[in-house]
């Protein structure tokens, strides 16, 4: 299936075309229509199958359609287990949203928080974060998640392996009850199925 058959915003399609994306992968074909209808989704897919676009494109489109961009509040939260993955997701979001008025920020630990908090003060629409740094900045009052409409947990099984599920559960308590949740994992161990059930 081609991206232009998925009822995506023209500016999104333009950015995708420039990046060389024309044909959607199976996970994108399966996920995008459900996510554009604001349904929750549990996706089981290996790394490299195009799942970032599967959740990113509907999130970008829905924020633009709801005209909530640029209001200062975080509308989408994407949790990733590692700094490398968070950066990769951030790069993809910037590529897709190239022609749209969206503020996208990536935060992770292991570096000074000052440049990250300075950007957060200016407002962000989509936040990509690793759990530890996110909890630090919530604790310090730099981040509020009470207006998040879209929540993504990416590479959930990697988070389980890295002992991050306790942090993920703490973050979940900060989110509004009414939101769209997207959950991606390469495998489905029992712990992950249980967590998916609570989300």
N, C-alpha and C. Protein backbone atom coordinates (compact mmCIF):
# COMPACT_ATOMS: atom_id res chain seq x y z
N UNK A 1 0.84 -1.20 0.00
CA UNK A 1 0.00 0.00 0.00
C UNK A 1 0.88 1.25 0.00
N UNK A 2 0.47 2.25 -0.75
CA UNK A 2 1.23 3.50 -0.81
C UNK A 2 0.79 4.45 0.30
N UNK A 3 1.72 5.29 0.77
CA UNK A 3 1.39 6.24 1.84
C UNK A 3 0.24 7.17 1.42
N UNK A 4 0.21 7.55 0.14
CA UNK A 4 -0.86 8.48 -0.27
C UNK A 4 -2.24 7.83 -0.31
N UNK A 5 -2.32 6.53 0.00
CA UNK A 5 -3.63 5.86 0.12
C UNK A 5 -4.09 5.84 1.58
N UNK A 6 -3.28 6.36 2.49
CA UNK A 6 -3.59 6.27 3.93
C UNK A 6 -4.24 7.54 4.50
N UNK A 7 -4.72 8.40 3.65
CA UNK A 7 -5.42 9.62 4.08
C UNK A 7 -4.59 10.49 5.02
N UNK A 8 -3.31 10.62 4.68
CA UNK A 8 -2.43 11.44 5.49
C UNK A 8 -2.44 12.89 4.99
N UNK A 9 -2.13 13.80 5.91
CA UNK A 9 -2.00 15.22 5.63
C UNK A 9 -1.01 15.45 4.46
N UNK A 10 -1.31 16.41 3.60
CA UNK A 10 -0.48 16.68 2.41
C UNK A 10 0.96 17.05 2.77
N UNK A 11 1.12 17.80 3.87
CA UNK A 11 2.48 18.20 4.29
C UNK A 11 3.28 17.00 4.78
N UNK A 12 2.58 16.06 5.42
CA UNK A 12 3.24 14.82 5.85
C UNK A 12 3.68 14.02 4.62
N UNK A 13 2.76 13.89 3.65
CA UNK A 13 3.07 13.14 2.43
C UNK A 13 4.24 13.76 1.67
N UNK A 14 4.27 15.09 1.67
CA UNK A 14 5.37 15.80 1.00
C UNK A 14 6.72 15.47 1.67
N UNK A 15 6.74 15.50 3.01
CA UNK A 15 7.98 15.19 3.74
C UNK A 15 8.39 13.74 3.53
N UNK A 16 7.41 12.82 3.53
CA UNK A 16 7.70 11.40 3.32
C UNK A 16 8.29 11.17 1.94
N UNK A 17 7.70 11.81 0.95
CA UNK A 17 8.17 11.65 -0.43
C UNK A 17 9.61 12.14 -0.56
N UNK A 18 9.90 13.29 0.05
CA UNK A 18 11.26 13.84 0.00
C UNK A 18 12.27 12.93 0.69
N UNK A 19 11.80 12.22 1.73
CA UNK A 19 12.69 11.30 2.46
C UNK A 19 12.80 9.94 1.76
N UNK A 20 12.08 9.80 0.65
CA UNK A 20 12.16 8.55 -0.12
C UNK A 20 11.19 7.46 0.30
N UNK A 21 10.20 7.82 1.13
CA UNK A 21 9.19 6.85 1.57
C UNK A 21 7.97 6.94 0.66
N UNK A 22 7.64 5.86 -0.01
CA UNK A 22 6.41 5.86 -0.83
C UNK A 22 5.49 4.71 -0.42
N UNK A 23 6.10 3.54 -0.12
CA UNK A 23 5.30 2.34 0.17
C UNK A 23 5.31 2.05 1.66
N UNK A 24 4.14 1.84 2.24
CA UNK A 24 4.04 1.53 3.68
C UNK A 24 4.40 0.07 3.95
N UNK A 25 5.03 -0.17 5.10
CA UNK A 25 5.37 -1.55 5.52
C UNK A 25 4.13 -2.20 6.15
N UNK A 26 4.13 -3.53 6.33
CA UNK A 26 2.95 -4.20 6.92
C UNK A 26 2.48 -3.62 8.26
N UNK A 27 3.43 -3.31 9.18
CA UNK A 27 3.01 -2.76 10.48
C UNK A 27 2.36 -1.39 10.29
N UNK A 28 2.85 -0.60 9.32
CA UNK A 28 2.27 0.72 9.06
C UNK A 28 0.86 0.59 8.47
N UNK A 29 0.70 -0.34 7.53
CA UNK A 29 -0.62 -0.56 6.91
C UNK A 29 -1.63 -1.01 7.96
N UNK A 30 -1.17 -1.89 8.88
CA UNK A 30 -2.07 -2.41 9.93
C UNK A 30 -2.38 -1.36 10.99
N UNK A 31 -1.36 -0.59 11.39
CA UNK A 31 -1.52 0.30 12.55
C UNK A 31 -2.12 1.66 12.23
N UNK A 32 -1.69 2.29 11.14
CA UNK A 32 -2.05 3.70 10.90
C UNK A 32 -3.56 3.95 10.87
N UNK A 33 -4.36 3.15 10.15
CA UNK A 33 -5.82 3.45 10.14
C UNK A 33 -6.45 3.39 11.54
N UNK A 34 -6.03 2.41 12.37
CA UNK A 34 -6.57 2.30 13.74
C UNK A 34 -6.17 3.51 14.58
N UNK A 35 -4.90 3.90 14.46
CA UNK A 35 -4.41 5.01 15.28
C UNK A 35 -5.01 6.34 14.85
N UNK A 36 -5.31 6.48 13.56
CA UNK A 36 -5.95 7.71 13.11
C UNK A 36 -7.40 7.78 13.58
N UNK A 37 -7.96 6.63 13.96
CA UNK A 37 -9.31 6.59 14.54
C UNK A 37 -9.27 6.68 16.07
N UNK A 38 -8.11 7.06 16.61
CA UNK A 38 -7.93 7.22 18.06
C UNK A 38 -8.14 5.94 18.86
N UNK A 39 -7.83 4.80 18.27
CA UNK A 39 -7.93 3.52 18.99
C UNK A 39 -6.59 3.22 19.66
N UNK A 40 -6.64 2.51 20.79
CA UNK A 40 -5.40 2.03 21.42
C UNK A 40 -4.84 0.90 20.56
N UNK A 41 -3.53 0.67 20.68
CA UNK A 41 -2.91 -0.35 19.84
C UNK A 41 -1.79 -1.07 20.57
N UNK A 42 -1.75 -2.38 20.42
CA UNK A 42 -0.66 -3.20 20.93
C UNK A 42 0.00 -3.82 19.70
N UNK A 43 1.23 -3.39 19.40
CA UNK A 43 1.91 -3.87 18.19
C UNK A 43 3.10 -4.73 18.53
N UNK A 44 3.17 -5.91 17.92
CA UNK A 44 4.30 -6.80 18.12
C UNK A 44 5.12 -6.76 16.82
N UNK A 45 6.26 -6.10 16.85
CA UNK A 45 7.06 -5.96 15.62
C UNK A 45 8.53 -5.81 15.96
N UNK A 46 9.36 -6.42 15.15
CA UNK A 46 10.81 -6.34 15.33
C UNK A 46 11.31 -4.93 15.01
N UNK A 47 12.48 -4.60 15.54
CA UNK A 47 13.14 -3.35 15.19
C UNK A 47 13.44 -3.37 13.69
N UNK A 48 13.27 -2.21 13.04
CA UNK A 48 13.59 -2.15 11.61
C UNK A 48 12.43 -2.46 10.68
N UNK A 49 11.21 -2.61 11.26
CA UNK A 49 10.04 -2.91 10.42
C UNK A 49 9.22 -1.65 10.11
N UNK A 50 9.71 -0.50 10.59
CA UNK A 50 9.02 0.75 10.29
C UNK A 50 7.97 1.15 11.31
N UNK A 51 8.14 0.66 12.56
CA UNK A 51 7.08 0.97 13.53
C UNK A 51 7.12 2.42 14.02
N UNK A 52 8.28 3.09 13.93
CA UNK A 52 8.30 4.51 14.34
C UNK A 52 7.31 5.31 13.50
N UNK A 53 7.35 5.12 12.19
CA UNK A 53 6.38 5.83 11.32
C UNK A 53 4.96 5.37 11.61
N UNK A 54 4.80 4.10 11.99
CA UNK A 54 3.46 3.56 12.26
C UNK A 54 2.77 4.32 13.39
N UNK A 55 3.54 4.75 14.42
CA UNK A 55 2.89 5.54 15.48
C UNK A 55 3.09 7.05 15.30
N UNK A 56 4.22 7.44 14.70
CA UNK A 56 4.53 8.88 14.59
C UNK A 56 3.60 9.61 13.62
N UNK A 57 3.32 9.01 12.48
CA UNK A 57 2.49 9.70 11.47
C UNK A 57 1.08 9.99 11.99
N UNK A 58 0.38 9.01 12.59
CA UNK A 58 -0.95 9.32 13.13
C UNK A 58 -0.91 10.35 14.26
N UNK A 59 0.12 10.29 15.12
CA UNK A 59 0.23 11.26 16.22
C UNK A 59 0.37 12.67 15.65
N UNK A 60 1.29 12.84 14.70
CA UNK A 60 1.50 14.16 14.09
C UNK A 60 0.20 14.65 13.45
N UNK A 61 -0.42 13.77 12.67
CA UNK A 61 -1.66 14.15 11.98
C UNK A 61 -2.76 14.55 12.97
N UNK A 62 -2.93 13.75 14.03
CA UNK A 62 -3.99 14.04 15.00
C UNK A 62 -3.74 15.35 15.75
N UNK A 63 -2.49 15.63 16.10
CA UNK A 63 -2.19 16.90 16.79
C UNK A 63 -2.51 18.07 15.87
N UNK A 64 -2.13 17.96 14.60
CA UNK A 64 -2.40 19.04 13.64
C UNK A 64 -3.91 19.22 13.44
N UNK A 65 -4.64 18.11 13.30
CA UNK A 65 -6.10 18.20 13.08
C UNK A 65 -6.82 18.79 14.28
N UNK A 66 -6.34 18.45 15.48
CA UNK A 66 -6.98 18.97 16.70
C UNK A 66 -6.54 20.41 16.99
N UNK A 67 -5.58 20.90 16.21
CA UNK A 67 -5.06 22.27 16.36
C UNK A 67 -4.60 22.56 17.78
N UNK A 68 -3.91 21.58 18.37
CA UNK A 68 -3.38 21.77 19.73
C UNK A 68 -1.88 22.06 19.73
N UNK A 69 -1.27 22.12 18.53
CA UNK A 69 0.17 22.39 18.45
C UNK A 69 0.47 23.82 18.88
N UNK A 70 1.66 23.99 19.47
CA UNK A 70 2.13 25.34 19.79
C UNK A 70 1.47 25.97 21.00
N UNK A 71 0.71 25.19 21.77
CA UNK A 71 0.03 25.76 22.95
C UNK A 71 0.90 25.63 24.21
N UNK A 72 2.07 25.02 24.06
CA UNK A 72 2.99 24.92 25.21
C UNK A 72 2.91 23.61 25.96
N UNK A 73 1.75 22.94 25.93
CA UNK A 73 1.59 21.70 26.70
C UNK A 73 2.06 20.49 25.88
N UNK A 74 2.60 19.49 26.57
CA UNK A 74 3.03 18.25 25.91
C UNK A 74 1.78 17.45 25.54
N UNK A 75 1.59 17.21 24.24
CA UNK A 75 0.41 16.48 23.75
C UNK A 75 0.71 15.00 23.50
N UNK A 76 1.98 14.69 23.22
CA UNK A 76 2.35 13.29 22.97
C UNK A 76 3.63 12.98 23.72
N UNK A 77 3.64 11.80 24.37
CA UNK A 77 4.82 11.32 25.08
C UNK A 77 5.22 9.97 24.49
N UNK A 78 6.47 9.87 24.06
CA UNK A 78 6.99 8.61 23.53
C UNK A 78 8.14 8.17 24.43
N UNK A 79 7.98 7.02 25.08
CA UNK A 79 9.02 6.50 25.97
C UNK A 79 9.87 5.49 25.23
N UNK A 80 11.19 5.65 25.33
CA UNK A 80 12.13 4.73 24.70
C UNK A 80 13.14 4.27 25.74
N UNK A 81 13.65 3.03 25.63
CA UNK A 81 14.54 2.51 26.68
C UNK A 81 15.95 3.10 26.68
N UNK A 82 16.45 3.52 25.51
CA UNK A 82 17.84 3.98 25.44
C UNK A 82 17.94 5.36 24.79
N UNK A 83 19.06 6.02 25.07
CA UNK A 83 19.33 7.32 24.48
C UNK A 83 19.36 7.22 22.95
N UNK A 84 20.03 6.16 22.45
CA UNK A 84 20.18 5.99 20.99
C UNK A 84 18.82 5.88 20.32
N UNK A 85 17.94 5.09 20.92
CA UNK A 85 16.61 4.91 20.32
C UNK A 85 15.80 6.22 20.41
N UNK A 86 15.90 6.91 21.54
CA UNK A 86 15.18 8.18 21.70
C UNK A 86 15.62 9.18 20.62
N UNK A 87 16.94 9.27 20.39
CA UNK A 87 17.47 10.19 19.37
C UNK A 87 16.96 9.80 17.98
N UNK A 88 16.98 8.50 17.72
CA UNK A 88 16.51 7.98 16.41
C UNK A 88 15.04 8.33 16.17
N UNK A 89 14.20 8.14 17.21
CA UNK A 89 12.77 8.47 17.09
C UNK A 89 12.61 9.98 16.86
N UNK A 90 13.38 10.78 17.62
CA UNK A 90 13.33 12.24 17.46
C UNK A 90 13.69 12.66 16.04
N UNK A 91 14.75 12.05 15.49
CA UNK A 91 15.17 12.37 14.11
C UNK A 91 14.05 12.04 13.12
N UNK A 92 13.42 10.88 13.30
CA UNK A 92 12.32 10.49 12.41
C UNK A 92 11.16 11.48 12.50
N UNK A 93 10.79 11.87 13.72
CA UNK A 93 9.70 12.83 13.90
C UNK A 93 10.01 14.16 13.21
N UNK A 94 11.25 14.63 13.34
CA UNK A 94 11.64 15.88 12.67
C UNK A 94 11.54 15.74 11.15
N UNK A 95 11.90 14.56 10.63
CA UNK A 95 11.81 14.33 9.18
C UNK A 95 10.36 14.39 8.73
N UNK A 96 9.47 13.70 9.46
CA UNK A 96 8.05 13.63 9.05
C UNK A 96 7.34 14.98 9.21
N UNK A 97 7.69 15.71 10.27
CA UNK A 97 6.98 16.96 10.59
C UNK A 97 7.66 18.19 10.01
N UNK A 98 8.55 17.97 9.07
CA UNK A 98 9.37 19.04 8.48
C UNK A 98 8.57 20.28 8.07
N UNK A 99 7.37 20.09 7.51
CA UNK A 99 6.59 21.22 7.00
C UNK A 99 5.43 21.60 7.93
N UNK A 100 5.49 21.13 9.15
CA UNK A 100 4.37 21.39 10.08
C UNK A 100 4.87 22.15 11.31
N UNK A 101 4.00 22.96 11.91
CA UNK A 101 4.43 23.81 13.04
C UNK A 101 4.42 23.06 14.37
N UNK A 102 5.29 22.04 14.46
CA UNK A 102 5.33 21.23 15.68
C UNK A 102 6.67 21.39 16.38
N UNK A 103 6.62 21.43 17.70
CA UNK A 103 7.84 21.45 18.49
C UNK A 103 8.08 20.04 19.03
N UNK A 104 9.25 19.49 18.72
CA UNK A 104 9.59 18.11 19.10
C UNK A 104 10.87 18.16 19.93
N UNK A 105 10.87 17.48 21.07
CA UNK A 105 12.07 17.47 21.91
C UNK A 105 12.40 16.07 22.40
N UNK A 106 13.70 15.80 22.51
CA UNK A 106 14.18 14.52 23.00
C UNK A 106 14.96 14.76 24.28
N UNK A 107 14.63 14.00 25.34
CA UNK A 107 15.39 14.13 26.59
C UNK A 107 15.88 12.76 27.04
N UNK A 108 17.10 12.73 27.58
CA UNK A 108 17.69 11.48 28.07
C UNK A 108 18.76 11.83 29.10
N UNK A 109 19.15 10.85 29.89
CA UNK A 109 20.15 11.06 30.92
C UNK A 109 21.57 10.95 30.38
N UNK A 110 22.54 11.11 31.27
CA UNK A 110 23.94 10.98 30.89
C UNK A 110 24.55 12.25 30.33
N UNK A 111 23.73 13.31 30.22
CA UNK A 111 24.21 14.62 29.74
C UNK A 111 23.60 15.68 30.66
N UNK A 112 24.12 16.90 30.58
CA UNK A 112 23.58 18.00 31.39
C UNK A 112 22.10 18.21 31.05
N UNK A 113 21.31 18.45 32.08
CA UNK A 113 19.88 18.68 31.82
C UNK A 113 19.57 20.12 31.42
N UNK A 114 20.52 21.03 31.60
CA UNK A 114 20.22 22.45 31.37
C UNK A 114 19.73 22.78 29.97
N UNK A 115 20.41 22.31 28.89
CA UNK A 115 19.87 22.61 27.55
C UNK A 115 18.47 22.02 27.35
N UNK A 116 18.23 20.84 27.96
CA UNK A 116 16.91 20.20 27.83
C UNK A 116 15.83 21.00 28.55
N UNK A 117 16.12 21.46 29.77
CA UNK A 117 15.11 22.21 30.52
C UNK A 117 14.87 23.59 29.90
N UNK A 118 15.91 24.19 29.31
CA UNK A 118 15.74 25.49 28.65
C UNK A 118 14.75 25.35 27.49
N UNK A 119 14.88 24.27 26.72
CA UNK A 119 13.95 24.04 25.60
C UNK A 119 12.54 23.73 26.12
N UNK A 120 12.45 22.94 27.18
CA UNK A 120 11.14 22.59 27.74
C UNK A 120 10.37 23.84 28.16
N UNK A 121 11.08 24.82 28.70
CA UNK A 121 10.42 26.06 29.14
C UNK A 121 9.75 26.79 27.99
N UNK A 122 10.27 26.59 26.77
CA UNK A 122 9.68 27.24 25.59
C UNK A 122 8.45 26.49 25.08
N UNK A 123 8.18 25.33 25.65
CA UNK A 123 7.00 24.55 25.25
C UNK A 123 7.35 23.49 24.22
N UNK A 124 6.72 22.33 24.34
CA UNK A 124 6.98 21.25 23.40
C UNK A 124 5.68 20.50 23.13
N UNK A 125 5.45 20.11 21.87
CA UNK A 125 4.23 19.37 21.51
C UNK A 125 4.43 17.86 21.67
N UNK A 126 5.59 17.38 21.21
CA UNK A 126 5.88 15.94 21.27
C UNK A 126 7.19 15.75 22.03
N UNK A 127 7.14 14.95 23.07
CA UNK A 127 8.32 14.68 23.90
C UNK A 127 8.72 13.21 23.76
N UNK A 128 9.98 13.00 23.38
CA UNK A 128 10.55 11.64 23.35
C UNK A 128 11.50 11.57 24.55
N UNK A 129 11.36 10.54 25.38
CA UNK A 129 12.13 10.53 26.62
C UNK A 129 12.53 9.12 27.04
N UNK A 130 13.64 9.05 27.78
CA UNK A 130 13.98 7.81 28.48
C UNK A 130 13.37 7.94 29.88
N UNK A 131 12.94 6.84 30.49
CA UNK A 131 12.20 6.93 31.77
C UNK A 131 12.92 7.64 32.90
N UNK A 132 14.22 7.35 33.10
CA UNK A 132 14.95 7.94 34.23
C UNK A 132 14.99 9.46 34.19
N UNK A 133 15.41 10.02 33.06
CA UNK A 133 15.51 11.48 32.94
C UNK A 133 14.12 12.11 33.02
N UNK A 134 13.13 11.46 32.44
CA UNK A 134 11.76 12.00 32.49
C UNK A 134 11.30 12.12 33.94
N UNK A 135 11.50 11.07 34.74
CA UNK A 135 11.08 11.11 36.15
C UNK A 135 11.85 12.18 36.92
N UNK A 136 13.15 12.33 36.62
CA UNK A 136 13.96 13.40 37.26
C UNK A 136 13.33 14.76 37.02
N UNK A 137 12.99 15.03 35.75
CA UNK A 137 12.49 16.37 35.40
C UNK A 137 11.05 16.58 35.86
N UNK A 138 10.28 15.50 35.98
CA UNK A 138 8.94 15.61 36.58
C UNK A 138 9.10 15.99 38.05
N UNK A 139 10.02 15.27 38.72
CA UNK A 139 10.28 15.53 40.15
C UNK A 139 10.73 16.96 40.43
N UNK A 140 11.47 17.54 39.49
CA UNK A 140 11.95 18.91 39.65
C UNK A 140 10.93 19.95 39.18
N UNK A 141 9.81 19.50 38.67
CA UNK A 141 8.75 20.42 38.26
C UNK A 141 8.89 21.01 36.86
N UNK A 142 9.83 20.45 36.06
CA UNK A 142 10.01 20.97 34.70
C UNK A 142 8.99 20.40 33.72
N UNK A 143 8.43 19.24 34.05
CA UNK A 143 7.53 18.56 33.11
C UNK A 143 6.22 18.20 33.79
N UNK A 144 5.13 18.51 33.09
CA UNK A 144 3.79 18.08 33.52
C UNK A 144 3.21 17.27 32.37
N UNK A 145 2.61 16.13 32.71
CA UNK A 145 2.06 15.24 31.66
C UNK A 145 0.54 15.22 31.68
N UNK A 146 -0.08 16.21 32.35
CA UNK A 146 -1.54 16.18 32.55
C UNK A 146 -2.34 16.50 31.29
N UNK A 147 -1.66 16.93 30.20
CA UNK A 147 -2.41 17.22 28.97
C UNK A 147 -2.01 16.29 27.81
N UNK A 148 -1.35 15.19 28.15
CA UNK A 148 -0.92 14.24 27.12
C UNK A 148 -2.15 13.51 26.54
N UNK A 149 -2.27 13.57 25.22
CA UNK A 149 -3.37 12.86 24.53
C UNK A 149 -2.90 11.54 23.93
N UNK A 150 -1.58 11.44 23.65
CA UNK A 150 -1.03 10.27 22.97
C UNK A 150 0.18 9.75 23.74
N UNK A 151 0.15 8.47 24.09
CA UNK A 151 1.25 7.87 24.84
C UNK A 151 1.77 6.65 24.09
N UNK A 152 3.08 6.61 23.87
CA UNK A 152 3.71 5.47 23.18
C UNK A 152 4.76 4.85 24.09
N UNK A 153 4.69 3.55 24.25
CA UNK A 153 5.74 2.80 24.94
C UNK A 153 6.42 1.97 23.87
N UNK A 154 7.67 2.32 23.54
CA UNK A 154 8.37 1.63 22.46
C UNK A 154 9.41 0.67 23.03
N UNK A 155 9.58 -0.47 22.36
CA UNK A 155 10.55 -1.50 22.79
C UNK A 155 10.31 -1.89 24.26
N UNK A 156 9.06 -2.25 24.55
CA UNK A 156 8.69 -2.58 25.94
C UNK A 156 9.49 -3.75 26.50
N UNK A 157 9.77 -4.75 25.66
CA UNK A 157 10.53 -5.91 26.18
C UNK A 157 11.96 -5.53 26.56
N UNK A 158 12.53 -4.56 25.84
CA UNK A 158 13.88 -4.07 26.20
C UNK A 158 13.82 -3.35 27.54
N UNK A 159 12.72 -2.63 27.78
CA UNK A 159 12.57 -1.94 29.07
C UNK A 159 12.49 -2.96 30.22
N UNK A 160 11.80 -4.07 29.95
CA UNK A 160 11.70 -5.15 30.95
C UNK A 160 13.10 -5.69 31.25
N UNK A 161 13.87 -5.99 30.20
CA UNK A 161 15.23 -6.52 30.37
C UNK A 161 16.13 -5.56 31.13
N UNK A 162 15.89 -4.27 30.94
CA UNK A 162 16.75 -3.26 31.58
C UNK A 162 16.22 -2.84 32.96
N UNK A 163 15.16 -3.49 33.43
CA UNK A 163 14.63 -3.21 34.76
C UNK A 163 13.93 -1.87 34.89
N UNK A 164 13.28 -1.43 33.81
CA UNK A 164 12.66 -0.09 33.81
C UNK A 164 11.15 -0.11 34.07
N UNK A 165 10.57 -1.27 34.26
CA UNK A 165 9.10 -1.31 34.35
C UNK A 165 8.55 -0.55 35.55
N UNK A 166 9.31 -0.52 36.64
CA UNK A 166 8.86 0.23 37.83
C UNK A 166 8.75 1.72 37.47
N UNK A 167 9.77 2.23 36.75
CA UNK A 167 9.75 3.63 36.31
C UNK A 167 8.58 3.90 35.36
N UNK A 168 8.33 2.96 34.46
CA UNK A 168 7.23 3.11 33.49
C UNK A 168 5.91 3.21 34.25
N UNK A 169 5.73 2.37 35.27
CA UNK A 169 4.47 2.40 36.06
C UNK A 169 4.32 3.74 36.78
N UNK A 170 5.43 4.30 37.27
CA UNK A 170 5.38 5.62 37.94
C UNK A 170 4.97 6.70 36.94
N UNK A 171 5.49 6.62 35.72
CA UNK A 171 5.15 7.60 34.68
C UNK A 171 3.68 7.49 34.31
N UNK A 172 3.17 6.26 34.22
CA UNK A 172 1.76 6.04 33.87
C UNK A 172 0.83 6.76 34.84
N UNK A 173 1.23 6.83 36.11
CA UNK A 173 0.39 7.49 37.11
C UNK A 173 0.30 9.00 36.88
N UNK A 174 1.26 9.57 36.13
CA UNK A 174 1.28 11.00 35.84
C UNK A 174 0.40 11.37 34.64
N UNK A 175 -0.02 10.36 33.88
CA UNK A 175 -0.76 10.62 32.63
C UNK A 175 -2.26 10.71 32.87
N UNK A 176 -2.97 11.46 32.02
CA UNK A 176 -4.43 11.50 32.15
C UNK A 176 -5.02 10.12 31.88
N UNK A 177 -6.14 9.82 32.53
CA UNK A 177 -6.81 8.52 32.29
C UNK A 177 -7.29 8.45 30.84
N UNK A 178 -7.78 9.58 30.32
CA UNK A 178 -8.30 9.60 28.95
C UNK A 178 -7.15 9.99 28.01
N UNK A 179 -6.69 9.01 27.27
CA UNK A 179 -5.59 9.22 26.31
C UNK A 179 -5.60 8.05 25.33
N UNK A 180 -4.85 8.19 24.26
CA UNK A 180 -4.67 7.07 23.33
C UNK A 180 -3.32 6.43 23.66
N UNK A 181 -3.32 5.11 23.85
CA UNK A 181 -2.09 4.42 24.22
C UNK A 181 -1.63 3.49 23.10
N UNK A 182 -0.33 3.53 22.82
CA UNK A 182 0.27 2.67 21.81
C UNK A 182 1.45 1.95 22.45
N UNK A 183 1.53 0.68 22.21
CA UNK A 183 2.46 -0.15 22.95
C UNK A 183 3.15 -1.06 21.94
N UNK A 184 4.48 -0.95 21.82
CA UNK A 184 5.21 -1.76 20.84
C UNK A 184 6.28 -2.60 21.52
N UNK A 185 6.37 -3.85 21.11
CA UNK A 185 7.33 -4.76 21.69
C UNK A 185 7.70 -5.81 20.64
N UNK A 186 8.97 -6.23 20.64
CA UNK A 186 9.38 -7.25 19.66
C UNK A 186 8.89 -8.63 20.11
N UNK A 187 8.79 -8.84 21.44
CA UNK A 187 8.28 -10.11 21.98
C UNK A 187 7.24 -9.79 23.05
N UNK A 188 6.48 -10.79 23.46
CA UNK A 188 5.43 -10.56 24.45
C UNK A 188 5.58 -11.46 25.69
N UNK A 189 6.61 -11.23 26.51
CA UNK A 189 6.70 -12.01 27.75
C UNK A 189 5.51 -11.69 28.66
N UNK A 190 5.25 -12.57 29.63
CA UNK A 190 4.10 -12.42 30.54
C UNK A 190 4.04 -11.04 31.20
N UNK A 191 5.21 -10.56 31.68
CA UNK A 191 5.26 -9.25 32.36
C UNK A 191 4.77 -8.14 31.45
N UNK A 192 5.13 -8.23 30.17
CA UNK A 192 4.75 -7.20 29.20
C UNK A 192 3.24 -7.28 28.91
N UNK A 193 2.73 -8.50 28.80
CA UNK A 193 1.27 -8.67 28.58
C UNK A 193 0.50 -8.06 29.75
N UNK A 194 1.01 -8.29 30.96
CA UNK A 194 0.36 -7.76 32.16
C UNK A 194 0.37 -6.24 32.16
N UNK A 195 1.53 -5.66 31.80
CA UNK A 195 1.66 -4.20 31.74
C UNK A 195 0.72 -3.63 30.66
N UNK A 196 0.68 -4.30 29.52
CA UNK A 196 -0.20 -3.86 28.43
C UNK A 196 -1.66 -3.84 28.90
N UNK A 197 -2.02 -4.84 29.71
CA UNK A 197 -3.38 -4.91 30.25
C UNK A 197 -3.71 -3.71 31.12
N UNK A 198 -2.72 -3.22 31.90
CA UNK A 198 -2.97 -2.08 32.78
C UNK A 198 -3.01 -0.77 31.97
N UNK A 199 -2.30 -0.72 30.85
CA UNK A 199 -2.28 0.50 30.03
C UNK A 199 -3.57 0.59 29.23
